[in-house]
Amino acid sequence: MNDIRIEGEFIRLDALLKFASLVSSGGEAKIRIAQGEVSVNGEPCTMRGKKCRNGDEITLDGVTVRVLCS
């Protein structure tokens, strides 16, 4: 698992996928989220605007990242 440090109290799911280099573009993030390929804390998530907060774990293609807020 990789830790992703962010400024502020949350980051949107689509932005997190790009920031963590799990997808190559915002368009890819939108599609992958809409198709239910992304899990947040072990549950499939289809909301690209989902606010990911400190401690949340996001998984795509078997890679998990954890959000850490500064």
Protein backbone atom coordinates (compact mmCIF):
# COMPACT_ATOMS: atom_id res chain seq x y z
CA MET A 1 0.00 0.00 0.00
CA ASN A 2 1.23 3.47 -0.88
CA ASP A 3 0.46 6.57 1.17
CA ILE A 4 -0.64 9.69 -0.72
CA ARG A 5 -0.16 12.94 1.19
CA ILE A 6 -2.52 15.78 0.37
CA GLU A 7 -3.02 19.36 1.54
CA GLY A 8 -6.44 20.10 3.00
CA GLU A 9 -9.04 17.79 4.48
CA PHE A 10 -10.16 15.92 1.33
CA ILE A 11 -9.50 15.23 -2.34
CA ARG A 12 -12.04 14.18 -4.96
CA LEU A 13 -11.79 10.56 -6.07
CA ASP A 14 -11.11 11.38 -9.73
CA ALA A 15 -8.38 13.84 -8.78
CA LEU A 16 -6.82 11.32 -6.39
CA LEU A 17 -6.57 8.68 -9.11
CA LYS A 18 -4.66 11.14 -11.31
CA PHE A 19 -2.52 12.47 -8.44
CA ALA A 20 -1.54 8.92 -7.44
CA SER A 21 -0.77 8.03 -11.10
CA LEU A 22 -3.33 5.20 -11.08
CA VAL A 23 -4.81 6.61 -14.31
CA SER A 24 -3.27 8.71 -17.06
CA SER A 25 -6.06 11.27 -17.48
CA GLY A 26 -9.23 12.66 -15.97
CA GLY A 27 -11.22 11.04 -18.76
CA GLU A 28 -9.83 7.63 -17.89
CA ALA A 29 -10.61 8.25 -14.21
CA LYS A 30 -14.22 9.14 -15.06
CA ILE A 31 -14.70 5.98 -17.14
CA ARG A 32 -13.03 3.62 -14.65
CA ILE A 33 -15.06 5.05 -11.76
CA ALA A 34 -18.33 4.88 -13.73
CA GLN A 35 -17.66 1.23 -14.60
CA GLY A 36 -17.29 0.37 -10.90
CA GLU A 37 -13.61 -0.55 -11.14
CA VAL A 38 -12.59 1.62 -8.17
CA SER A 39 -13.10 0.68 -4.52
CA VAL A 40 -13.10 3.07 -1.58
CA ASN A 41 -12.53 1.37 1.77
CA GLY A 42 -13.33 -2.00 0.22
CA GLU A 43 -16.63 -0.93 -1.38
CA PRO A 44 -17.12 -0.24 -5.11
CA CYS A 45 -17.64 3.48 -5.73
CA THR A 46 -19.18 5.04 -8.85
CA MET A 47 -19.18 8.67 -7.64
CA ARG A 48 -16.24 10.51 -9.20
CA GLY A 49 -16.80 13.48 -6.88
CA LYS A 50 -16.54 11.27 -3.78
CA LYS A 51 -14.54 13.12 -1.12
CA CYS A 52 -11.62 10.98 -0.01
CA ARG A 53 -10.50 11.87 3.49
CA ASN A 54 -7.67 11.00 5.87
CA GLY A 55 -7.27 7.23 6.21
CA ASP A 56 -9.46 6.28 3.23
CA GLU A 57 -8.08 3.44 1.12
CA ILE A 58 -8.65 3.50 -2.64
CA THR A 59 -8.03 0.46 -4.84
CA LEU A 60 -7.77 0.15 -8.62
CA ASP A 61 -6.30 -2.79 -10.54
CA GLY A 62 -5.04 -4.40 -7.33
CA VAL A 63 -3.11 -1.28 -6.27
CA THR A 64 -4.19 0.35 -3.01
CA VAL A 65 -3.34 3.86 -1.86
CA ARG A 66 -4.16 5.46 1.48
CA VAL A 67 -4.99 9.15 1.84
CA LEU A 68 -3.01 11.06 4.46
CA CYS A 69 -3.94 14.69 5.11
CA SER A 70 -1.25 17.16 6.15
